C-alpha atoms as a PDB file:
ATOM      1  CA  UNK A   1     -15.095   3.075   8.065  1.00  0.00           C
ATOM      2  CA  UNK A   2     -13.381   3.333   4.977  1.00  0.00           C
ATOM      3  CA  UNK A   3     -10.501   0.616   4.593  1.00  0.00           C
ATOM      4  CA  UNK A   4      -8.834   2.223   1.447  1.00  0.00           C
ATOM      5  CA  UNK A   5      -7.404   4.473   3.776  1.00  0.00           C
ATOM      6  CA  UNK A   6      -5.070   2.004   5.096  1.00  0.00           C
ATOM      7  CA  UNK A   7      -4.011   1.148   1.512  1.00  0.00           C
ATOM      8  CA  UNK A   8      -2.893   5.029   1.310  1.00  0.00           C
ATOM      9  CA  UNK A   9      -1.206   4.599   4.643  1.00  0.00           C
ATOM     10  CA  UNK A  10       0.941   1.567   3.634  1.00  0.00           C
ATOM     11  CA  UNK A  11       1.755   3.934  -0.018  1.00  0.00           C
ATOM     12  CA  UNK A  12       2.999   6.578   2.248  1.00  0.00           C
ATOM     13  CA  UNK A  13       4.860   4.001   4.663  1.00  0.00           C
ATOM     14  CA  UNK A  14       6.933   2.946   1.719  1.00  0.00           C
ATOM     15  CA  UNK A  15       8.012   6.097   0.492  1.00  0.00           C
ATOM     16  CA  UNK A  16       9.051   7.166   3.656  1.00  0.00           C
ATOM     17  CA  UNK A  17      11.081   4.017   4.345  1.00  0.00           C
ATOM     18  CA  UNK A  18      12.453   4.733   1.057  1.00  0.00           C
ATOM     19  CA  UNK A  19      13.637   8.618   1.752  1.00  0.00           C
ATOM     20  CA  UNK A  20      14.373   8.574   5.283  1.00  0.00           C
ATOM     21  CA  UNK A  21      17.989   7.165   5.427  1.00  0.00           C
ATOM     22  CA  UNK A  22      19.064  10.291   2.715  1.00  0.00           C
ATOM     23  CA  UNK A  23      20.554  13.430   3.937  1.00  0.00           C
ATOM     24  CA  UNK A  24      18.773  16.656   2.815  1.00  0.00           C
ATOM     25  CA  UNK A  25      20.258  16.858  -0.273  1.00  0.00           C
ATOM     26  CA  UNK A  26      18.336  14.055  -1.707  1.00  0.00           C
ATOM     27  CA  UNK A  27      14.969  16.574  -1.701  1.00  0.00           C
ATOM     28  CA  UNK A  28      17.246  18.355  -4.385  1.00  0.00           C
ATOM     29  CA  UNK A  29      17.403  15.322  -6.624  1.00  0.00           C
ATOM     30  CA  UNK A  30      15.428  16.387 -10.189  1.00  0.00           C
ATOM     31  CA  UNK A  31      13.298  13.468 -11.124  1.00  0.00           C
ATOM     32  CA  UNK A  32      12.353  12.764 -14.386  1.00  0.00           C
ATOM     33  CA  UNK A  33       8.802  13.986 -13.977  1.00  0.00           C
ATOM     34  CA  UNK A  34       8.721  17.622 -15.697  1.00  0.00           C
ATOM     35  CA  UNK A  35      12.226  18.431 -13.815  1.00  0.00           C
ATOM     36  CA  UNK A  36      10.637  18.520 -10.412  1.00  0.00           C
ATOM     37  CA  UNK A  37      12.876  17.618  -7.190  1.00  0.00           C
ATOM     38  CA  UNK A  38      11.739  15.354  -4.864  1.00  0.00           C
ATOM     39  CA  UNK A  39      11.332  18.161  -2.626  1.00  0.00           C
ATOM     40  CA  UNK A  40       8.970  19.344  -5.560  1.00  0.00           C
ATOM     41  CA  UNK A  41       6.469  16.303  -5.204  1.00  0.00           C
ATOM     42  CA  UNK A  42       6.873  15.615  -1.274  1.00  0.00           C
ATOM     43  CA  UNK A  43       5.211  19.317  -1.232  1.00  0.00           C
ATOM     44  CA  UNK A  44       2.918  18.374  -3.752  1.00  0.00           C
ATOM     45  CA  UNK A  45       1.523  15.381  -1.857  1.00  0.00           C
ATOM     46  CA  UNK A  46       1.686  16.830   1.219  1.00  0.00           C
ATOM     47  CA  UNK A  47      -0.219  19.909   0.069  1.00  0.00           C
ATOM     48  CA  UNK A  48      -3.231  18.319  -1.416  1.00  0.00           C
ATOM     49  CA  UNK A  49      -3.439  15.989   1.180  1.00  0.00           C
ATOM     50  CA  UNK A  50      -3.954  18.859   3.761  1.00  0.00           C
ATOM     51  CA  UNK A  51      -6.775  20.047   0.720  1.00  0.00           C
ATOM     52  CA  UNK A  52      -8.742  16.312   1.277  1.00  0.00           C
ATOM     53  CA  UNK A  53      -8.651  16.147   4.850  1.00  0.00           C
ATOM     54  CA  UNK A  54      -9.809  20.006   4.364  1.00  0.00           C
ATOM     55  CA  UNK A  55     -12.677  18.492   2.154  1.00  0.00           C
ATOM     56  CA  UNK A  56     -13.585  16.313   5.021  1.00  0.00           C
ATOM     57  CA  UNK A  57     -13.699  17.879   7.833  1.00  0.00           C
ATOM     58  CA  UNK A  58     -13.594  21.749   6.864  1.00  0.00           C
ATOM     59  CA  UNK A  59     -15.445  21.948   3.784  1.00  0.00           C
ATOM     60  CA  UNK A  60     -15.945  25.771   4.144  1.00  0.00           C
ATOM     61  CA  UNK A  61     -11.957  25.965   4.781  1.00  0.00           C
ATOM     62  CA  UNK A  62     -11.191  23.974   1.753  1.00  0.00           C
ATOM     63  CA  UNK A  63     -12.991  25.914  -0.695  1.00  0.00           C
ATOM     64  CA  UNK A  64     -11.636  28.981   0.426  1.00  0.00           C
ATOM     65  CA  UNK A  65      -8.331  26.915  -0.066  1.00  0.00           C
ATOM     66  CA  UNK A  66      -9.549  26.010  -3.770  1.00  0.00           C
ATOM     67  CA  UNK A  67     -10.334  29.886  -4.340  1.00  0.00           C
ATOM     68  CA  UNK A  68      -7.383  30.652  -3.802  1.00  0.00           C
ATOM     69  CA  UNK A  69      -5.675  27.943  -5.218  1.00  0.00           C
ATOM     70  CA  UNK A  70      -7.610  28.993  -8.513  1.00  0.00           C
ATOM     71  CA  UNK A  71      -7.167  32.806  -8.425  1.00  0.00           C
ATOM     72  CA  UNK A  72      -3.658  32.107  -8.103  1.00  0.00           C
ATOM     73  CA  UNK A  73      -2.761  29.746 -10.687  1.00  0.00           C
ATOM     74  CA  UNK A  74      -5.566  31.284 -13.397  1.00  0.00           C
ATOM     75  CA  UNK A  75      -3.057  34.291 -13.105  1.00  0.00           C
ATOM     76  CA  UNK A  76      -0.055  32.187 -14.288  1.00  0.00           C
ATOM     77  CA  UNK A  77       1.678  31.101 -11.352  1.00  0.00           C
ATOM     78  CA  UNK A  78       2.860  27.310 -11.402  1.00  0.00           C
ATOM     79  CA  UNK A  79       2.380  24.629  -9.213  1.00  0.00           C
ATOM     80  CA  UNK A  80       5.531  24.733  -8.274  1.00  0.00           C
ATOM     81  CA  UNK A  81       5.723  28.074  -7.685  1.00  0.00           C
ATOM     82  CA  UNK A  82       2.283  27.911  -5.423  1.00  0.00           C
ATOM     83  CA  UNK A  83       3.138  25.297  -3.247  1.00  0.00           C
ATOM     84  CA  UNK A  84       6.933  26.912  -2.351  1.00  0.00           C
ATOM     85  CA  UNK A  85       4.756  29.860  -1.538  1.00  0.00           C
ATOM     86  CA  UNK A  86       2.179  27.846   0.332  1.00  0.00           C
ATOM     87  CA  UNK A  87       4.828  26.555   2.811  1.00  0.00           C
ATOM     88  CA  UNK A  88       6.180  29.606   3.446  1.00  0.00           C
ATOM     89  CA  UNK A  89       9.205  28.585   1.633  1.00  0.00           C
ATOM     90  CA  UNK A  90       9.996  25.817   4.297  1.00  0.00           C
ATOM     91  CA  UNK A  91      13.028  23.495   3.381  1.00  0.00           C
ATOM     92  CA  UNK A  92      12.431  20.353   1.138  1.00  0.00           C
ATOM     93  CA  UNK A  93      13.277  18.312   4.983  1.00  0.00           C
ATOM     94  CA  UNK A  94      10.860  19.816   6.820  1.00  0.00           C
ATOM     95  CA  UNK A  95       8.310  19.273   4.754  1.00  0.00           C
ATOM     96  CA  UNK A  96       8.603  16.136   4.426  1.00  0.00           C
ATOM     97  CA  UNK A  97       8.941  15.688   8.197  1.00  0.00           C
ATOM     98  CA  UNK A  98       5.635  18.011   8.047  1.00  0.00           C
ATOM     99  CA  UNK A  99       4.268  15.458   5.448  1.00  0.00           C
ATOM    100  CA  UNK A 100       5.191  12.211   7.743  1.00  0.00           C
ATOM    101  CA  UNK A 101       3.730  13.564  10.793  1.00  0.00           C
ATOM    102  CA  UNK A 102       0.476  14.305   8.966  1.00  0.00           C
ATOM    103  CA  UNK A 103      -0.582  11.445   6.996  1.00  0.00           C
ATOM    104  CA  UNK A 104      -1.135   9.056   9.828  1.00  0.00           C
ATOM    105  CA  UNK A 105      -3.468  10.755  11.827  1.00  0.00           C
ATOM    106  CA  UNK A 106      -4.994  12.127   8.541  1.00  0.00           C
ATOM    107  CA  UNK A 107      -5.511   8.156   7.309  1.00  0.00           C
ATOM    108  CA  UNK A 108      -7.260   7.702  10.559  1.00  0.00           C
ATOM    109  CA  UNK A 109      -9.902  10.634   9.956  1.00  0.00           C
ATOM    110  CA  UNK A 110     -10.725   8.956   6.439  1.00  0.00           C
ATOM    111  CA  UNK A 111     -11.056   5.571   8.108  1.00  0.00           C
ATOM    112  CA  UNK A 112     -13.389   6.621  10.651  1.00  0.00           C
ATOM    113  CA  UNK A 113     -15.804   8.071   7.801  1.00  0.00           C
ATOM    114  CA  UNK A 114     -18.639   6.845   5.729  1.00  0.00           C
ATOM    115  CA  UNK A 115     -16.949   5.877   2.702  1.00  0.00           C
ATOM    116  CA  UNK A 116     -20.476   7.075   0.571  1.00  0.00           C
ATOM    117  CA  UNK A 117     -20.144  10.447   2.236  1.00  0.00           C
ATOM    118  CA  UNK A 118     -19.734  12.930  -0.268  1.00  0.00           C
ATOM    119  CA  UNK A 119     -16.747  15.726  -0.161  1.00  0.00           C
ATOM    120  CA  UNK A 120     -15.947  18.531  -2.543  1.00  0.00           C
ATOM    121  CA  UNK A 121     -12.926  18.709  -4.587  1.00  0.00           C
ATOM    122  CA  UNK A 122     -11.431  20.840  -7.091  1.00  0.00           C
ATOM    123  CA  UNK A 123     -13.271  18.946  -9.730  1.00  0.00           C
ATOM    124  CA  UNK A 124     -17.065  17.257  -8.853  1.00  0.00           C
ATOM    125  CA  UNK A 125     -17.924  16.064  -6.012  1.00  0.00           C
ATOM    126  CA  UNK A 126     -16.532  12.459  -4.787  1.00  0.00           C
ATOM    127  CA  UNK A 127     -17.119  10.304  -2.137  1.00  0.00           C
ATOM    128  CA  UNK A 128     -15.345   9.922   0.767  1.00  0.00           C
ATOM    129  CA  UNK A 129     -13.523   6.459  -0.303  1.00  0.00           C
ATOM    130  CA  UNK A 130     -13.380   8.033  -4.182  1.00  0.00           C
ATOM    131  CA  UNK A 131     -10.927  11.309  -2.384  1.00  0.00           C
ATOM    132  CA  UNK A 132      -8.912   8.364   0.059  1.00  0.00           C
ATOM    133  CA  UNK A 133      -8.089   6.196  -3.228  1.00  0.00           C
ATOM    134  CA  UNK A 134      -7.280   9.422  -5.441  1.00  0.00           C
ATOM    135  CA  UNK A 135      -4.929  10.300  -2.917  1.00  0.00           C
ATOM    136  CA  UNK A 136      -3.285   6.885  -2.962  1.00  0.00           C
ATOM    137  CA  UNK A 137      -3.055   7.289  -6.438  1.00  0.00           C
ATOM    138  CA  UNK A 138      -1.647  10.373  -6.344  1.00  0.00           C
ATOM    139  CA  UNK A 139       1.163   9.269  -4.270  1.00  0.00           C
ATOM    140  CA  UNK A 140       1.794   5.799  -6.202  1.00  0.00           C
ATOM    141  CA  UNK A 141       2.371   7.947  -9.332  1.00  0.00           C
ATOM    142  CA  UNK A 142       4.254  10.730  -8.038  1.00  0.00           C
ATOM    143  CA  UNK A 143       6.465   8.275  -6.111  1.00  0.00           C
ATOM    144  CA  UNK A 144       7.098   6.032  -9.230  1.00  0.00           C
ATOM    145  CA  UNK A 145       9.206   9.665 -10.294  1.00  0.00           C
ATOM    146  CA  UNK A 146      11.226   9.396  -7.077  1.00  0.00           C
ATOM    147  CA  UNK A 147      12.169   5.410  -7.073  1.00  0.00           C
ATOM    148  CA  UNK A 148      12.940   5.665 -10.746  1.00  0.00           C
ATOM    149  CA  UNK A 149      15.746   8.844  -9.978  1.00  0.00           C
ATOM    150  CA  UNK A 150      17.466   6.800  -7.124  1.00  0.00           C
ATOM    151  CA  UNK A 151      17.349   3.674  -9.030  1.00  0.00           C
ATOM    152  CA  UNK A 152      15.578   1.502  -7.002  1.00  0.00           C
ATOM    153  CA  UNK A 153      13.317  -0.852  -8.146  1.00  0.00           C
ATOM    154  CA  UNK A 154       9.987  -0.511  -6.471  1.00  0.00           C
ATOM    155  CA  UNK A 155       8.169  -3.609  -4.686  1.00  0.00           C
ATOM    156  CA  UNK A 156       4.219  -3.528  -5.234  1.00  0.00           C
ATOM    157  CA  UNK A 157       1.363  -4.829  -3.338  1.00  0.00           C
ATOM    158  CA  UNK A 158      -2.060  -5.891  -4.208  1.00  0.00           C
ATOM    159  CA  UNK A 159      -3.186  -2.390  -3.233  1.00  0.00           C
ATOM    160  CA  UNK A 160      -2.357  -0.864  -6.536  1.00  0.00           C
ATOM    161  CA  UNK A 161      -5.753  -2.810  -8.023  1.00  0.00           C
ATOM    162  CA  UNK A 162      -7.162   0.633  -6.792  1.00  0.00           C
ATOM    163  CA  UNK A 163      -4.893   2.565  -9.395  1.00  0.00           C
ATOM    164  CA  UNK A 164      -5.549   0.169 -12.067  1.00  0.00           C
ATOM    165  CA  UNK A 165      -9.594   0.548 -11.186  1.00  0.00           C
ATOM    166  CA  UNK A 166      -9.221   4.435 -11.519  1.00  0.00           C
ATOM    167  CA  UNK A 167      -7.398   3.727 -14.563  1.00  0.00           C
ATOM    168  CA  UNK A 168      -9.990   1.629 -16.144  1.00  0.00           C
ATOM    169  CA  UNK A 169     -12.867   3.521 -14.919  1.00  0.00           C
ATOM    170  CA  UNK A 170     -11.342   6.822 -16.224  1.00  0.00           C
ATOM    171  CA  UNK A 171     -11.755   5.470 -19.809  1.00  0.00           C
ATOM    172  CA  UNK A 172     -14.095   8.174 -21.141  1.00  0.00           C
ATOM    173  CA  UNK A 173     -12.391  10.873 -19.610  1.00  0.00           C
ATOM    174  CA  UNK A 174      -9.078  10.126 -21.341  1.00  0.00           C
ATOM    175  CA  UNK A 175     -11.558  11.070 -24.423  1.00  0.00           C
ATOM    176  CA  UNK A 176     -13.435  13.576 -23.230  1.00  0.00           C
ATOM    177  CA  UNK A 177     -10.744  15.818 -21.811  1.00  0.00           C
ATOM    178  CA  UNK A 178      -9.416  15.799 -24.935  1.00  0.00           C
ATOM    179  CA  UNK A 179     -12.298  16.587 -26.879  1.00  0.00           C
ATOM    180  CA  UNK A 180     -13.010  13.315 -28.438  1.00  0.00           C
ATOM    181  CA  UNK A 181     -16.246  11.699 -28.243  1.00  0.00           C
ATOM    182  CA  UNK A 182     -15.759   8.655 -25.993  1.00  0.00           C
ATOM    183  CA  UNK A 183     -15.579   5.276 -28.270  1.00  0.00           C
ATOM    184  CA  UNK A 184     -17.841   2.102 -27.939  1.00  0.00           C
ATOM    185  CA  UNK A 185     -17.724  -0.294 -26.550  1.00  0.00           C
ATOM    186  CA  UNK A 186     -14.975  -0.085 -23.305  1.00  0.00           C
ATOM    187  CA  UNK A 187     -12.132  -2.626 -23.733  1.00  0.00           C
ATOM    188  CA  UNK A 188     -11.784  -5.994 -21.767  1.00  0.00           C
ATOM    189  CA  UNK A 189      -8.910  -5.211 -19.004  1.00  0.00           C
ATOM    190  CA  UNK A 190      -7.433  -8.445 -17.911  1.00  0.00           C
ATOM    191  CA  UNK A 191      -4.397  -7.754 -15.422  1.00  0.00           C
ATOM    192  CA  UNK A 192      -1.868  -9.837 -13.393  1.00  0.00           C
ATOM    193  CA  UNK A 193      -1.781  -8.593  -9.598  1.00  0.00           C
ATOM    194  CA  UNK A 194       1.794  -8.315  -7.687  1.00  0.00           C
ATOM    195  CA  UNK A 195       0.245 -11.669  -6.095  1.00  0.00           C
ATOM    196  CA  UNK A 196      -0.587 -13.808  -9.214  1.00  0.00           C
ATOM    197  CA  UNK A 197      -4.043 -13.064  -8.527  1.00  0.00           C
ATOM    198  CA  UNK A 198      -5.820 -12.318 -12.297  1.00  0.00           C
ATOM    199  CA  UNK A 199      -8.247  -9.132 -11.998  1.00  0.00           C
ATOM    200  CA  UNK A 200     -10.610  -8.241 -15.125  1.00  0.00           C
ATOM    201  CA  UNK A 201     -13.243  -5.279 -16.386  1.00  0.00           C
ATOM    202  CA  UNK A 202     -15.339  -5.101 -18.550  1.00  0.00           C
ATOM    203  CA  UNK A 203     -16.820  -7.878 -20.824  1.00  0.00           C
ATOM    204  CA  UNK A 204     -14.151  -9.776 -22.461  1.00  0.00           C
ATOM    205  CA  UNK A 205     -13.515  -9.412 -26.026  1.00  0.00           C
ATOM    206  CA  UNK A 206      -9.972 -10.751 -27.754  1.00  0.00           C
ATOM    207  CA  UNK A 207     -10.276  -8.128 -30.255  1.00  0.00           C
ATOM    208  CA  UNK A 208     -10.463  -4.954 -28.134  1.00  0.00           C
ATOM    209  CA  UNK A 209      -8.356  -5.547 -25.087  1.00  0.00           C
ATOM    210  CA  UNK A 210      -5.528  -4.755 -22.764  1.00  0.00           C
ATOM    211  CA  UNK A 211      -3.516  -7.847 -21.042  1.00  0.00           C
ATOM    212  CA  UNK A 212      -0.427  -7.381 -19.111  1.00  0.00           C
ATOM    213  CA  UNK A 213       0.992  -6.700 -15.899  1.00  0.00           C
ATOM    214  CA  UNK A 214      -1.344  -4.150 -13.294  1.00  0.00           C
ATOM    215  CA  UNK A 215       1.730  -2.266 -12.725  1.00  0.00           C
ATOM    216  CA  UNK A 216       2.587  -1.559 -16.470  1.00  0.00           C
ATOM    217  CA  UNK A 217      -0.556  -0.723 -16.437  1.00  0.00           C
ATOM    218  CA  UNK A 218      -1.200   1.736 -13.629  1.00  0.00           C
ATOM    219  CA  UNK A 219       2.143   2.901 -15.130  1.00  0.00           C
ATOM    220  CA  UNK A 220       0.426   3.691 -18.152  1.00  0.00           C
ATOM    221  CA  UNK A 221      -2.908   5.665 -17.104  1.00  0.00           C
ATOM    222  CA  UNK A 222      -0.788   7.659 -14.684  1.00  0.00           C
ATOM    223  CA  UNK A 223       1.576   8.485 -17.615  1.00  0.00           C
ATOM    224  CA  UNK A 224       4.467   7.296 -15.474  1.00  0.00           C
ATOM    225  CA  UNK A 225       5.198   5.447 -18.881  1.00  0.00           C
ATOM    226  CA  UNK A 226       4.749   5.287 -22.478  1.00  0.00           C
ATOM    227  CA  UNK A 227       2.771   2.319 -23.140  1.00  0.00           C
ATOM    228  CA  UNK A 228       5.690   1.234 -25.521  1.00  0.00           C
ATOM    229  CA  UNK A 229       8.171   1.035 -22.535  1.00  0.00           C
ATOM    230  CA  UNK A 230       5.928  -1.821 -21.147  1.00  0.00           C
ATOM    231  CA  UNK A 231       5.127  -5.121 -22.306  1.00  0.00           C
ATOM    232  CA  UNK A 232       0.964  -4.966 -22.260  1.00  0.00           C
ATOM    233  CA  UNK A 233      -0.439  -6.762 -25.015  1.00  0.00           C
ATOM    234  CA  UNK A 234      -3.310  -4.621 -26.689  1.00  0.00           C
ATOM    235  CA  UNK A 235      -5.463  -5.491 -29.255  1.00  0.00           C
ATOM    236  CA  UNK A 236      -7.710  -3.375 -31.041  1.00  0.00           C
ATOM    237  CA  UNK A 237      -8.269   0.139 -32.350  1.00  0.00           C
ATOM    238  CA  UNK A 238      -9.992   1.558 -29.232  1.00  0.00           C
ATOM    239  CA  UNK A 239      -7.756  -0.193 -27.077  1.00  0.00           C
ATOM    240  CA  UNK A 240      -4.624   1.386 -29.022  1.00  0.00           C
ATOM    241  CA  UNK A 241      -5.666   4.845 -28.984  1.00  0.00           C
ATOM    242  CA  UNK A 242      -7.160   4.557 -25.434  1.00  0.00           C
ATOM    243  CA  UNK A 243      -3.412   3.569 -24.049  1.00  0.00           C
ATOM    244  CA  UNK A 244      -1.672   6.174 -26.117  1.00  0.00           C
ATOM    245  CA  UNK A 245      -3.660   9.074 -24.353  1.00  0.00           C
ATOM    246  CA  UNK A 246      -4.638   7.230 -20.827  1.00  0.00           C
ATOM    247  CA  UNK A 247      -5.047   9.854 -18.637  1.00  0.00           C
ATOM    248  CA  UNK A 248      -6.598   8.735 -15.271  1.00  0.00           C
ATOM    249  CA  UNK A 249      -6.253  11.855 -13.422  1.00  0.00           C
ATOM    250  CA  UNK A 250      -8.578  15.009 -13.553  1.00  0.00           C
ATOM    251  CA  UNK A 251      -7.362  18.988 -15.077  1.00  0.00           C
ATOM    252  CA  UNK A 252      -6.598  19.663 -18.406  1.00  0.00           C
ATOM    253  CA  UNK A 253      -5.141  17.205 -20.792  1.00  0.00           C
ATOM    254  CA  UNK A 254      -1.754  16.298 -20.631  1.00  0.00           C
ATOM    255  CA  UNK A 255       0.476  14.198 -22.919  1.00  0.00           C
ATOM    256  CA  UNK A 256       2.138  10.971 -21.917  1.00  0.00           C
ATOM    257  CA  UNK A 257       5.654  10.608 -21.820  1.00  0.00           C
ATOM    258  CA  UNK A 258       7.594  10.287 -25.102  1.00  0.00           C
ATOM    259  CA  UNK A 259       8.891   6.299 -25.390  1.00  0.00           C
ATOM    260  CA  UNK A 260      12.180   5.847 -23.236  1.00  0.00           C
ATOM    261  CA  UNK A 261      12.066   9.191 -22.022  1.00  0.00           C
ATOM    262  CA  UNK A 262      10.441   7.844 -17.932  1.00  0.00           C
ATOM    263  CA  UNK A 263      12.849   5.187 -16.500  1.00  0.00           C
ATOM    264  CA  UNK A 264      14.285   3.765 -13.657  1.00  0.00           C
ATOM    265  CA  UNK A 265      17.927   5.060 -13.602  1.00  0.00           C
ATOM    266  CA  UNK A 266      21.221   2.945 -13.812  1.00  0.00           C
ATOM    267  CA  UNK A 267      24.565   2.891 -11.933  1.00  0.00           C
END
């Protein structure tokens, strides 16, 4: 069994609870994430849930899907155009309903799977556990833009440890994706969980470390926030360079948002 699947379910449940009370016009709201609408965000999350489920249960169909995706995007089609066409121009409200109907059963399939089983992905193969945690990270990070634009303070739980862990373990990737040799040693990371627990990674070092809120750290590594918009304490050049360009997700190099450009809306 893969209990981390329940963390994804809780993440999805929170997004559903946020949006279900709004009328359809909410999906046209433009967020601070690359000018995506809330509808664009939901399409993106549902599309890659379908892909992850295919990778677990129908690998041949998944490889076909990835091939088609790469062909379309390689010819210049944007993520937004591709997902709009993929869902046959369904309304955002209909895609939201499809996403909400789909994820509970998907979660059960991942929960029942062997956590160490290898599954295909657009990048390197990964374990079932890593696949479902990556889905949680995607939902958590993209949903931040939704909470922000609606002016809602998100209530986080300790399941965010999965997101923070991805952030820590992709330290080297954050440099390699920019064509830079990862420096050594890896910074010490000490974070405070929403519950007040303290989580640590790597060897303790007072001159090369990142300390503070697990939520703010996760916002930085997922590029939901510029590090200078947080209260993280950063010591050492290696830690500072990492936090300035941290990227815990796959794909090409992405530039973090400029200071002050991603934030919760105020009345």
